[in-house]
Structures are given as structure tokens and as C-alpha cells.
Amino acid sequence: MRSLLILLVLIAGGFVLTAMYVAPKQPELRGWYETNACPHLDKISPQICEPIRAARGTQPI
């Protein structure tokens, strides 16, 4: 059970790190994250998707 929990935490961490460091440089991935993931990630912290919005040139309202 502990291994499953650690795996889920690692997957979630990878998802967030991808949003912060990889997605801003990849247009297709940036678009997907901005449309599908950022509304949910903004509930955790608006700073997670900030690099994606800065790369596109838009800021949250």
C-alpha cells in the first residue's frame, strides 16, 4: 500500500513539474495544459501555471 501511495505522489509531482518546466517550451503541450490542467492546478496554486501563461503572453483574470 505504501508503494502505491509513493507512486501516486511521484506521478502527481511529475505532472506539476512538467507544467512548470516542459510545457511552456512545447506549444502543443502548453495548449493542452492551459486548457485542461491549469483550471485544476490553479486551485492548488496559481504559480504552477504561471510559466505557461507567461510563455503565451496571457495572465489570469
C-alpha atoms as a PDB file:
ATOM      1  CA  MET A   1       0.000   0.000   0.000  1.00  0.00           C
ATOM      2  CA  ARG A   2       2.855   2.368   0.795  1.00  0.00           C
ATOM      3  CA  SER A   3       4.402   1.724  -2.625  1.00  0.00           C
ATOM      4  CA  LEU A   4       1.158   2.672  -4.353  1.00  0.00           C
ATOM      5  CA  LEU A   5       0.934   5.902  -2.391  1.00  0.00           C
ATOM      6  CA  ILE A   6       4.537   6.791  -3.221  1.00  0.00           C
ATOM      7  CA  LEU A   7       3.888   6.050  -6.899  1.00  0.00           C
ATOM      8  CA  LEU A   8       0.841   8.339  -6.936  1.00  0.00           C
ATOM      9  CA  VAL A   9       2.803  11.148  -5.273  1.00  0.00           C
ATOM     10  CA  LEU A  10       5.619  10.775  -7.808  1.00  0.00           C
ATOM     11  CA  ILE A  11       3.186  10.840 -10.733  1.00  0.00           C
ATOM     12  CA  ALA A  12       1.467  13.963  -9.377  1.00  0.00           C
ATOM     13  CA  GLY A  13       4.843  15.629  -8.816  1.00  0.00           C
ATOM     14  CA  GLY A  14       5.918  14.791 -12.357  1.00  0.00           C
ATOM     15  CA  PHE A  15       2.674  16.241 -13.709  1.00  0.00           C
ATOM     16  CA  VAL A  16       3.267  19.523 -11.848  1.00  0.00           C
ATOM     17  CA  LEU A  17       6.949  19.717 -12.821  1.00  0.00           C
ATOM     18  CA  THR A  18       6.022  19.108 -16.458  1.00  0.00           C
ATOM     19  CA  ALA A  19       3.564  22.005 -16.245  1.00  0.00           C
ATOM     20  CA  MET A  20       6.226  24.287 -14.820  1.00  0.00           C
ATOM     21  CA  TYR A  21       9.316  23.404 -16.863  1.00  0.00           C
ATOM     22  CA  VAL A  22       8.480  21.430 -20.017  1.00  0.00           C
ATOM     23  CA  ALA A  23       5.045  22.638 -21.152  1.00  0.00           C
ATOM     24  CA  PRO A  24       5.967  26.342 -21.588  1.00  0.00           C
ATOM     25  CA  LYS A  25       8.514  25.362 -24.277  1.00  0.00           C
ATOM     26  CA  GLN A  26       6.244  22.942 -26.189  1.00  0.00           C
ATOM     27  CA  PRO A  27       3.302  24.645 -27.977  1.00  0.00           C
ATOM     28  CA  GLU A  28       1.070  21.548 -28.195  1.00  0.00           C
ATOM     29  CA  LEU A  29       1.696  20.535 -24.609  1.00  0.00           C
ATOM     30  CA  ARG A  30       1.323  24.136 -23.443  1.00  0.00           C
ATOM     31  CA  GLY A  31      -2.099  24.353 -25.081  1.00  0.00           C
ATOM     32  CA  TRP A  32      -3.265  21.101 -23.511  1.00  0.00           C
ATOM     33  CA  TYR A  33      -2.080  22.099 -20.046  1.00  0.00           C
ATOM     34  CA  GLU A  34      -3.608  25.561 -20.332  1.00  0.00           C
ATOM     35  CA  THR A  35      -6.974  24.165 -21.440  1.00  0.00           C
ATOM     36  CA  ASN A  36      -7.279  21.012 -19.363  1.00  0.00           C
ATOM     37  CA  ALA A  37      -4.884  21.063 -16.426  1.00  0.00           C
ATOM     38  CA  CYS A  38      -4.461  24.691 -15.374  1.00  0.00           C
ATOM     39  CA  PRO A  39      -8.047  25.163 -14.134  1.00  0.00           C
ATOM     40  CA  HIS A  40      -7.418  22.347 -11.659  1.00  0.00           C
ATOM     41  CA  LEU A  41      -3.806  23.229 -10.852  1.00  0.00           C
ATOM     42  CA  ASP A  42      -4.824  26.849 -10.139  1.00  0.00           C
ATOM     43  CA  LYS A  43      -6.921  25.551  -7.244  1.00  0.00           C
ATOM     44  CA  ILE A  44      -3.704  24.255  -5.666  1.00  0.00           C
ATOM     45  CA  SER A  45      -1.523  27.241  -6.539  1.00  0.00           C
ATOM     46  CA  PRO A  46      -1.786  29.829  -9.338  1.00  0.00           C
ATOM     47  CA  GLN A  47       2.008  29.871  -9.580  1.00  0.00           C
ATOM     48  CA  ILE A  48       2.113  26.380 -11.103  1.00  0.00           C
ATOM     49  CA  CYS A  49       0.665  27.551 -14.441  1.00  0.00           C
ATOM     50  CA  GLU A  50       2.299  30.970 -14.370  1.00  0.00           C
ATOM     51  CA  PRO A  51       5.192  29.921 -16.695  1.00  0.00           C
ATOM     52  CA  ILE A  52       2.664  28.566 -19.216  1.00  0.00           C
ATOM     53  CA  ARG A  53       0.727  31.828 -19.243  1.00  0.00           C
ATOM     54  CA  ALA A  54       3.933  33.882 -19.422  1.00  0.00           C
ATOM     55  CA  ALA A  55       5.098  31.860 -22.438  1.00  0.00           C
ATOM     56  CA  ARG A  56       1.795  32.505 -24.189  1.00  0.00           C
ATOM     57  CA  GLY A  57       1.582  36.103 -23.010  1.00  0.00           C
ATOM     58  CA  THR A  58      -1.667  35.844 -21.023  1.00  0.00           C
ATOM     59  CA  GLN A  59      -2.243  36.328 -17.331  1.00  0.00           C
ATOM     60  CA  PRO A  60      -5.161  35.081 -15.217  1.00  0.00           C
ATOM     61  CA  ILE A  61      -8.063  37.433 -14.622  1.00  0.00           C
END
